[in-house]
């Protein structure tokens, strides 16, 4: 992970809904994934860790 961060930079963003944090978006180049046998250049892997606190979906 440390080597990937040094090579490719940041790999996460926070997603907001109604101005409140709602999810963490993780992304990284497929070519950085050493577990894949075939890695394509220019392809991003994107994962969303979604959390919904009880009051997130209520109107502000």
Protein backbone atom coordinates (compact mmCIF):
# COMPACT_ATOMS: atom_id res chain seq x y z
CA UNK A 1 0.00 0.00 0.00
CA UNK A 2 2.78 2.43 0.90
CA UNK A 3 4.51 1.82 -2.42
CA UNK A 4 1.23 2.27 -4.29
CA UNK A 5 0.60 5.61 -2.54
CA UNK A 6 4.12 6.77 -3.38
CA UNK A 7 3.70 5.74 -7.02
CA UNK A 8 0.09 6.75 -7.73
CA UNK A 9 -0.85 9.23 -4.99
CA UNK A 10 -4.15 9.48 -3.13
CA UNK A 11 -6.55 6.57 -3.56
CA UNK A 12 -9.63 7.64 -1.58
CA UNK A 13 -12.28 10.35 -1.52
CA UNK A 14 -15.17 11.08 0.82
CA UNK A 15 -18.60 11.30 -0.84
CA UNK A 16 -21.17 13.70 0.61
CA UNK A 17 -24.96 13.73 0.59
CA UNK A 18 -26.82 16.79 1.87
CA UNK A 19 -23.45 18.20 2.96
CA UNK A 20 -22.82 15.20 5.26
CA UNK A 21 -20.23 12.45 4.69
CA UNK A 22 -22.05 9.41 3.27
CA UNK A 23 -19.42 7.10 1.80
CA UNK A 24 -15.75 6.51 1.14
CA UNK A 25 -14.76 5.96 -2.47
CA UNK A 26 -11.60 3.87 -2.88
CA UNK A 27 -9.90 3.78 -6.28
CA UNK A 28 -6.59 2.57 -7.65
CA UNK A 29 -5.06 1.64 -11.00
CA UNK A 30 -5.65 -1.97 -11.97
CA UNK A 31 -1.97 -2.24 -12.88
CA UNK A 32 -1.12 -1.67 -9.17
CA UNK A 33 -3.09 -4.77 -8.06
CA UNK A 34 -0.49 -7.50 -7.66
CA UNK A 35 -3.23 -10.11 -7.08
CA UNK A 36 -4.47 -9.85 -10.68
CA UNK A 37 -2.82 -12.03 -13.28
CA UNK A 38 -3.81 -9.73 -16.15
CA UNK A 39 -3.52 -6.00 -15.41
CA UNK A 40 -4.64 -3.35 -17.87
CA UNK A 41 -3.00 0.04 -18.09
CA UNK A 42 -5.37 2.99 -17.81
CA UNK A 43 -8.10 1.08 -15.93
CA UNK A 44 -9.24 2.15 -12.44
CA UNK A 45 -10.75 -0.18 -9.86
CA UNK A 46 -13.44 1.65 -7.84
CA UNK A 47 -14.97 0.48 -4.56
CA UNK A 48 -17.52 2.35 -2.49
CA UNK A 49 -17.76 1.84 1.26
CA UNK A 50 -21.26 3.14 1.90
CA UNK A 51 -22.49 4.17 5.33
CA UNK A 52 -25.85 5.66 6.22
CA UNK A 53 -26.09 7.22 9.66
CA UNK A 54 -29.66 7.35 10.95
CA UNK A 55 -30.20 11.03 10.21
CA UNK A 56 -28.37 11.20 6.87
CA UNK A 57 -31.45 10.69 4.73
CA UNK A 58 -33.67 13.07 6.69
CA UNK A 59 -34.28 16.52 5.23
CA UNK A 60 -31.84 19.14 6.59
